Amino acid sequence: MTTHPCVADAARRETAILDWGRLDWLVTGAAMPGAELTFGLVTIKPGERNPLHSHPNCEEVLYVVSGRCEHRLGDEILALEPGSAIRIPRGVPHWARCVGDEPLQAIIAFSSGDRRADMHEEQGVA
């Protein structure tokens, strides 16, 4: 594997294991100084969801690779399936709940290398 500062691989991935699933960060401003976006993978266990949160400094795009979810965007609940993408504007409260028997796997990208999250529930990291 290459060790170039602009290349991420499994060895350099930052992972957060959570009750509801996991976050795998491939590109962040901290891991790749100068990065102007955050990019990663999210996995949500069947029947689980991440806590209600918002991002005060960036927008988010989530692209469903496999599994299905209900996605709360503000006051709406939207159904997403493989091939669906959703843009979450800066500051809008949201969560994703995995529906069905298969874990939700999605690519997530944020318009800042320093993605921040404001929590609106006591359930932990989002």
Protein backbone atom coordinates (compact mmCIF):
# COMPACT_ATOMS: atom_id res chain seq x y z
CA MET A 1 0.00 0.00 0.00
CA THR A 2 1.09 3.54 -0.66
CA THR A 3 1.75 5.91 2.23
CA HIS A 4 1.04 9.08 0.28
CA PRO A 5 -0.71 11.70 2.48
CA CYS A 6 -3.55 11.99 -0.05
CA VAL A 7 -4.34 8.25 -0.12
CA ALA A 8 -6.48 6.46 2.47
CA ASP A 9 -6.43 2.72 3.02
CA ALA A 10 -7.71 0.29 5.66
CA ALA A 11 -4.64 0.80 7.86
CA ARG A 12 -5.17 4.59 8.03
CA ARG A 13 -8.95 4.48 8.49
CA GLU A 14 -10.42 6.02 11.66
CA THR A 15 -13.27 3.84 12.93
CA ALA A 16 -15.94 4.50 15.56
CA ILE A 17 -17.83 1.40 16.76
CA LEU A 18 -21.22 2.43 18.15
CA ASP A 19 -24.28 0.71 19.62
CA TRP A 20 -26.21 1.35 16.40
CA GLY A 21 -23.41 0.56 13.91
CA ARG A 22 -20.10 2.06 12.86
CA LEU A 23 -18.47 5.01 11.13
CA ASP A 24 -15.34 4.52 9.02
CA TRP A 25 -13.61 7.79 8.10
CA LEU A 26 -11.36 7.69 5.04
CA VAL A 27 -10.81 11.41 4.44
CA THR A 28 -10.85 14.11 7.13
CA GLY A 29 -8.98 17.34 7.57
CA ALA A 30 -7.17 15.83 10.57
CA ALA A 31 -6.09 12.67 8.73
CA MET A 32 -5.24 14.47 5.49
CA PRO A 33 -4.21 18.05 6.29
CA GLY A 34 -5.66 20.42 3.73
CA ALA A 35 -8.68 18.22 2.91
CA GLU A 36 -11.72 20.37 2.31
CA LEU A 37 -14.23 17.54 2.72
CA THR A 38 -14.95 14.59 4.98
CA PHE A 39 -15.64 11.23 3.35
CA GLY A 40 -16.50 7.88 4.87
CA LEU A 41 -18.71 4.86 5.22
CA VAL A 42 -21.56 4.31 7.64
CA THR A 43 -23.06 0.97 8.62
CA ILE A 44 -26.30 0.85 10.59
CA LYS A 45 -27.52 -2.41 12.12
CA PRO A 46 -31.01 -3.71 11.23
CA GLY A 47 -33.67 -2.00 13.35
CA GLU A 48 -31.22 0.61 14.68
CA ARG A 49 -30.71 4.29 13.94
CA ASN A 50 -28.19 6.96 14.64
CA PRO A 51 -29.20 9.78 17.01
CA LEU A 52 -30.94 12.92 15.83
CA HIS A 53 -28.22 15.42 14.94
CA SER A 54 -27.33 18.27 12.63
CA HIS A 55 -24.15 19.67 11.10
CA PRO A 56 -23.64 23.40 11.80
CA ASN A 57 -20.69 23.86 9.45
CA CYS A 58 -21.40 21.69 6.41
CA GLU A 59 -23.93 19.87 4.31
CA GLU A 60 -23.97 16.07 3.99
CA VAL A 61 -24.63 13.70 1.11
CA LEU A 62 -25.51 10.08 1.89
CA TYR A 63 -25.53 7.44 -0.87
CA VAL A 64 -27.06 4.03 -0.09
CA VAL A 65 -24.87 1.14 -1.27
CA SER A 66 -26.89 -1.70 0.29
CA GLY A 67 -29.77 -2.16 2.67
CA ARG A 68 -32.69 0.21 3.11
CA CYS A 69 -33.45 3.02 5.52
CA GLU A 70 -35.95 5.57 6.63
CA HIS A 71 -34.24 8.93 6.74
CA ARG A 72 -35.61 11.75 8.84
CA LEU A 73 -34.88 15.11 7.20
CA GLY A 74 -36.27 17.89 9.37
CA ASP A 75 -39.91 16.86 9.91
CA GLU A 76 -40.11 14.46 6.93
CA ILE A 77 -39.43 10.70 6.83
CA LEU A 78 -38.06 9.57 3.46
CA ALA A 79 -37.47 6.01 2.19
CA LEU A 80 -34.03 5.28 0.73
CA GLU A 81 -32.81 2.12 -1.01
CA PRO A 82 -29.67 1.09 -2.90
CA GLY A 83 -28.85 3.76 -5.46
CA SER A 84 -30.67 6.52 -3.54
CA ALA A 85 -28.82 9.66 -2.50
CA ILE A 86 -29.95 12.39 -0.14
CA ARG A 87 -28.51 15.87 0.43
CA ILE A 88 -28.88 17.11 3.98
CA PRO A 89 -28.54 20.90 4.17
CA ARG A 90 -26.38 22.52 6.84
CA GLY A 91 -28.16 22.76 10.20
CA VAL A 92 -31.11 20.44 9.39
CA PRO A 93 -31.77 17.79 12.08
CA HIS A 94 -31.70 14.24 10.70
CA TRP A 95 -31.17 10.54 11.41
CA ALA A 96 -31.19 7.27 9.45
CA ARG A 97 -32.93 4.07 10.59
CA CYS A 98 -32.11 0.74 8.97
CA VAL A 99 -35.25 -1.13 7.94
CA GLY A 100 -35.25 -4.79 6.90
CA ASP A 101 -32.91 -7.64 7.80
CA GLU A 102 -29.78 -6.37 6.01
CA PRO A 103 -27.49 -3.70 7.51
CA LEU A 104 -27.55 -0.30 5.83
CA GLN A 105 -24.24 0.52 4.18
CA ALA A 106 -23.84 4.01 2.80
CA ILE A 107 -21.17 6.38 1.61
CA ILE A 108 -21.22 9.72 3.40
CA ALA A 109 -19.57 12.97 2.37
CA PHE A 110 -19.50 16.38 4.04
CA SER A 111 -18.58 19.76 2.59
CA SER A 112 -15.92 20.43 5.24
CA GLY A 113 -12.74 18.67 6.26
CA ASP A 114 -13.73 19.55 9.84
CA ARG A 115 -17.23 18.01 10.00
CA ARG A 116 -19.03 18.93 13.19
CA ALA A 117 -22.20 17.43 14.68
CA ASP A 118 -24.65 18.96 17.16
CA MET A 119 -26.53 16.24 19.02
CA HIS A 120 -30.28 16.65 19.61
CA GLU A 121 -30.63 13.40 21.60
CA GLU A 122 -28.59 11.69 24.30
CA GLN A 123 -27.77 8.58 22.21
CA GLY A 124 -24.13 9.32 21.48
CA VAL A 125 -22.07 9.88 18.35
CA ALA A 126 -23.46 10.55 14.89
